[in-house]
Amino acid sequence: MRRIFSKNLNSKDDEILIQDQEFFHLKVLRPKIGDLVEIVNGQGLIISGKIEEINKDSVLILKIKLKNYDKSSRTIGFAYPVSRIKNFEEVIEPLSELNVDVIYPYSSERSLRSGELTKNMFDRWQQKIISSLKQCKRPFMMNIQPLLTWEKLLNEINQYDVTFYGDLRSDHSFFSSLNSEKNGDTQKYLGIIGPEGDFSEKELKELNDSVAIGVSLGHNVLKVNTAAITMAAYLSAFS
């Protein structure tokens, strides 16, 4: 069933009018009157409906049923070192598909960016998140936070029950570490991936001095995006 995004979707709506960008996305799929579709707002509300009218610049959908999901207490956060925007953009949709709830882009000694992340970048990333929301059928949208400094990222660790970071020197496998840390009280997980060239000595010391747990992602040295997807897949499967 095709899925459509509508930010202003309301559970009381019996008729939903789809216009603008989402209308053009739907139009490409050559919809027909009577086709069944899903409309989602990214905040847990999903309405199943039937296309009633197809107009020049809009589609009218009649509600058949709705489902309103409760937000899970389980949370997966993920910290990603931003240096190359292209690499970051390539990992947004896979992380969304793997049920990451929030991404913290961060800067470090080896992933510094000059200037701020722009509104246009965030707008573009939001479209990627919406595309993933429709494709992977999750009820809640992933969120991307503003760029964090290294110091602010260290503070963020305290907001999570368990934090893991990729450590090339660690003998602890991620699989065994997840098993040992998993219990009924663990609800919020944070994963941190280092930049190309790894964390600096100072950053590794600060991570070791925190409550974060250094883990190995395997015997091979992984590219940043490969490491990010690997860690997110483990967190999604075990949380």
Protein backbone atom coordinates (compact mmCIF):
# COMPACT_ATOMS: atom_id res chain seq x y z
CA MET A 1 0.00 0.00 0.00
CA ARG A 2 1.37 3.41 -0.98
CA ARG A 3 2.24 5.72 1.90
CA ILE A 4 1.82 9.50 1.90
CA PHE A 5 3.23 12.00 4.38
CA SER A 6 1.02 14.77 5.78
CA LYS A 7 2.47 16.86 8.59
CA ASN A 8 -0.94 18.31 9.52
CA LEU A 9 -2.84 15.02 9.54
CA ASN A 10 -5.62 14.99 12.13
CA SER A 11 -7.34 11.90 13.56
CA LYS A 12 -10.71 13.70 13.28
CA ASP A 13 -10.39 14.15 9.52
CA ASP A 14 -12.77 12.02 7.45
CA GLU A 15 -11.45 13.51 4.21
CA ILE A 16 -7.77 14.28 3.60
CA LEU A 17 -6.67 16.58 0.79
CA ILE A 18 -3.16 15.91 -0.50
CA GLN A 19 -1.50 18.84 -2.28
CA ASP A 20 1.87 20.36 -3.14
CA GLN A 21 4.98 18.18 -2.95
CA GLU A 22 3.29 15.02 -1.69
CA PHE A 23 0.69 15.29 -4.46
CA PHE A 24 3.44 15.34 -7.10
CA HIS A 25 5.17 12.37 -5.45
CA LEU A 26 1.90 10.45 -5.58
CA LYS A 27 1.14 11.56 -9.14
CA VAL A 28 4.36 9.93 -10.39
CA LEU A 29 2.96 6.58 -9.19
CA ARG A 30 -0.10 7.02 -11.46
CA PRO A 31 -2.80 6.61 -8.79
CA LYS A 32 -6.35 5.60 -9.69
CA ILE A 33 -9.67 6.33 -8.03
CA GLY A 34 -10.37 3.54 -5.56
CA ASP A 35 -6.70 2.88 -4.79
CA LEU A 36 -5.93 2.25 -1.12
CA VAL A 37 -3.26 4.40 0.54
CA GLU A 38 -1.78 5.11 3.96
CA ILE A 39 -1.27 8.64 5.27
CA VAL A 40 1.21 9.21 8.08
CA ASN A 41 2.21 12.31 10.05
CA GLY A 42 5.44 10.95 11.50
CA GLN A 43 4.08 11.33 15.05
CA GLY A 44 2.41 7.94 15.35
CA LEU A 45 -0.85 8.62 13.49
CA ILE A 46 -1.58 6.45 10.43
CA ILE A 47 -4.81 6.70 8.45
CA SER A 48 -5.77 4.13 5.84
CA GLY A 49 -7.98 5.50 3.11
CA LYS A 50 -9.30 5.27 -0.44
CA ILE A 51 -8.66 7.75 -3.24
CA GLU A 52 -11.99 9.44 -3.98
CA GLU A 53 -10.97 12.23 -6.37
CA ILE A 54 -7.93 13.02 -8.49
CA ASN A 55 -7.73 16.67 -9.53
CA LYS A 56 -5.19 18.76 -11.39
CA ASP A 57 -3.28 19.76 -8.27
CA SER A 58 -4.69 17.59 -5.47
CA VAL A 59 -5.98 14.18 -4.44
CA LEU A 60 -8.92 13.65 -2.08
CA ILE A 61 -8.77 10.61 0.17
CA LEU A 62 -11.61 9.20 2.28
CA LYS A 63 -10.66 7.75 5.66
CA ILE A 64 -11.38 4.05 6.17
CA LYS A 65 -9.61 3.42 9.47
CA LEU A 66 -6.92 4.90 11.66
CA LYS A 67 -4.29 3.71 14.08
CA ASN A 68 -2.55 5.91 16.64
CA TYR A 69 0.69 4.43 17.95
CA ASP A 70 2.04 5.26 21.39
CA LYS A 71 5.64 6.43 21.52
CA SER A 72 7.86 3.65 22.81
CA SER A 73 9.94 4.31 25.91
CA ARG A 74 12.79 2.63 24.06
CA THR A 75 15.07 5.21 22.44
CA ILE A 76 18.08 4.83 20.15
CA GLY A 77 20.30 7.86 19.74
CA PHE A 78 23.22 7.98 17.37
CA ALA A 79 26.17 10.39 17.25
CA TYR A 80 27.81 10.85 13.84
CA PRO A 81 30.97 12.87 13.12
CA VAL A 82 30.23 15.37 10.37
CA SER A 83 33.08 16.28 8.08
CA ARG A 84 31.90 15.34 4.60
CA ILE A 85 28.28 16.35 4.10
CA LYS A 86 27.86 13.80 1.30
CA ASN A 87 28.77 10.93 3.63
CA PHE A 88 26.37 12.14 6.28
CA GLU A 89 23.53 12.45 3.79
CA GLU A 90 24.13 8.90 2.57
CA VAL A 91 23.70 7.44 6.05
CA ILE A 92 20.49 9.29 7.05
CA GLU A 93 18.03 6.93 5.36
CA PRO A 94 19.73 3.67 6.48
CA LEU A 95 19.77 4.90 10.10
CA SER A 96 16.09 5.77 9.84
CA GLU A 97 15.31 2.31 8.46
CA LEU A 98 17.15 0.80 11.45
CA ASN A 99 14.86 2.59 13.94
CA VAL A 100 17.30 5.21 15.14
CA ASP A 101 15.18 7.86 16.89
CA VAL A 102 17.60 10.79 16.93
CA ILE A 103 20.90 11.64 15.24
CA TYR A 104 23.43 13.94 16.88
CA PRO A 105 25.81 15.30 14.24
CA TYR A 106 28.96 16.39 16.06
CA SER A 107 32.31 18.01 15.47
CA SER A 108 35.58 16.72 16.89
CA GLU A 109 39.32 17.25 16.44
CA ARG A 110 39.31 15.17 13.26
CA SER A 111 35.87 16.04 11.94
CA LEU A 112 35.77 19.82 12.23
CA ARG A 113 33.57 21.77 9.88
CA SER A 114 33.98 25.44 9.17
CA GLY A 115 30.73 27.32 9.46
CA GLU A 116 27.33 26.16 10.62
CA LEU A 117 25.09 23.55 9.12
CA THR A 118 22.62 25.54 7.03
CA LYS A 119 18.82 25.53 7.00
CA ASN A 120 18.91 24.28 3.41
CA MET A 121 20.90 21.26 4.57
CA PHE A 122 18.41 20.47 7.31
CA ASP A 123 15.51 20.90 4.86
CA ARG A 124 17.17 18.46 2.48
CA TRP A 125 17.82 15.98 5.28
CA GLN A 126 14.20 16.27 6.40
CA GLN A 127 13.08 15.17 2.95
CA LYS A 128 15.34 12.13 3.20
CA ILE A 129 13.80 11.28 6.57
CA ILE A 130 10.28 11.62 5.13
CA SER A 131 11.23 9.41 2.18
CA SER A 132 12.52 6.75 4.58
CA LEU A 133 9.42 7.07 6.77
CA LYS A 134 7.26 6.22 3.79
CA GLN A 135 9.51 3.44 2.52
CA CYS A 136 10.21 1.52 5.74
CA LYS A 137 6.73 1.96 7.28
CA ARG A 138 7.84 3.23 10.68
CA PRO A 139 5.17 5.29 12.52
CA PHE A 140 7.51 7.91 14.02
CA MET A 141 10.00 10.12 12.22
CA MET A 142 13.66 10.17 13.09
CA ASN A 143 14.95 13.52 14.36
CA ILE A 144 18.23 15.28 13.54
CA GLN A 145 19.61 17.59 16.23
CA PRO A 146 21.72 20.72 15.60
CA LEU A 147 25.48 20.23 15.32
CA LEU A 148 27.04 19.43 18.72
CA THR A 149 30.50 20.30 19.92
CA TRP A 150 32.52 17.46 21.41
CA GLU A 151 31.93 18.83 24.90
CA LYS A 152 28.16 18.92 24.41
CA LEU A 153 28.21 15.38 23.06
CA LEU A 154 29.95 14.20 26.24
CA ASN A 155 27.17 15.84 28.26
CA GLU A 156 24.56 14.07 26.13
CA ILE A 157 25.92 10.69 27.29
CA ASN A 158 24.39 11.36 30.70
CA GLN A 159 20.90 11.42 29.18
CA TYR A 160 21.13 7.73 28.16
CA ASP A 161 21.06 4.50 30.15
CA VAL A 162 23.86 2.91 28.14
CA THR A 163 26.32 4.43 25.65
CA PHE A 164 28.59 2.47 23.30
CA TYR A 165 31.36 3.88 21.14
CA GLY A 166 33.36 2.19 18.41
CA ASP A 167 36.89 1.53 19.67
CA LEU A 168 39.52 0.01 17.38
CA ARG A 169 41.56 -1.00 20.43
CA SER A 170 38.78 -2.74 22.32
CA ASP A 171 38.67 -6.52 22.79
CA HIS A 172 35.00 -6.39 23.80
CA SER A 173 32.71 -7.41 20.97
CA PHE A 174 29.63 -5.27 20.50
CA PHE A 175 27.46 -8.40 20.52
CA SER A 176 28.64 -9.58 23.95
CA SER A 177 28.61 -6.05 25.39
CA LEU A 178 25.00 -5.54 24.32
CA ASN A 179 24.01 -8.86 25.87
CA SER A 180 25.66 -8.04 29.17
CA GLU A 181 24.15 -4.54 29.39
CA LYS A 182 20.64 -5.46 28.30
CA ASN A 183 18.06 -5.66 31.07
CA GLY A 184 14.51 -4.57 31.76
CA ASP A 185 15.58 -1.17 33.03
CA THR A 186 17.61 -0.28 29.94
CA GLN A 187 15.45 1.88 27.69
CA LYS A 188 17.73 4.51 26.16
CA TYR A 189 20.76 3.55 24.07
CA LEU A 190 23.32 5.88 22.50
CA GLY A 191 25.84 4.82 19.86
CA ILE A 192 28.87 6.95 18.97
CA ILE A 193 31.01 6.45 15.86
CA GLY A 194 34.40 8.11 15.52
CA PRO A 195 35.58 10.13 12.50
CA GLU A 196 37.96 9.07 9.75
CA GLY A 197 41.28 8.54 11.47
CA ASP A 198 39.50 7.59 14.72
CA PHE A 199 39.05 9.61 17.89
CA SER A 200 42.01 11.63 19.11
CA GLU A 201 43.93 10.44 22.19
CA LYS A 202 42.27 13.19 24.24
CA GLU A 203 38.78 12.18 23.06
CA LEU A 204 39.43 8.51 23.78
CA LYS A 205 40.55 9.37 27.29
CA GLU A 206 37.42 11.46 27.86
CA LEU A 207 35.22 8.61 26.59
CA ASN A 208 37.07 6.12 28.80
CA ASP A 209 36.60 8.42 31.79
CA SER A 210 32.85 8.62 31.12
CA VAL A 211 30.27 5.86 31.55
CA ALA A 212 30.48 5.03 27.82
CA ILE A 213 31.61 1.52 26.84
CA GLY A 214 34.20 1.00 24.10
CA VAL A 215 33.33 -1.89 21.77
CA SER A 216 34.79 -3.61 18.74
CA LEU A 217 32.72 -3.82 15.56
CA GLY A 218 34.86 -6.64 14.16
CA HIS A 219 38.38 -7.41 13.05
CA ASN A 220 38.33 -5.15 10.01
CA VAL A 221 38.70 -1.37 10.01
CA LEU A 222 35.36 -0.04 8.75
CA LYS A 223 34.58 3.15 6.90
CA VAL A 224 32.57 5.63 8.97
CA ASN A 225 29.27 4.91 7.23
CA THR A 226 29.77 1.13 7.36
CA ALA A 227 30.55 1.37 11.08
CA ALA A 228 27.49 3.57 11.66
CA ILE A 229 25.12 1.14 9.93
CA THR A 230 26.69 -1.85 11.71
CA MET A 231 26.32 -0.28 15.15
CA ALA A 232 22.77 0.93 14.44
CA ALA A 233 21.75 -2.56 13.26
CA TYR A 234 23.01 -4.12 16.50
CA LEU A 235 21.27 -1.49 18.63
CA SER A 236 18.01 -1.91 16.74
CA ALA A 237 18.09 -5.71 17.00
CA PHE A 238 18.93 -5.85 20.71
CA SER A 239 17.15 -2.84 22.20
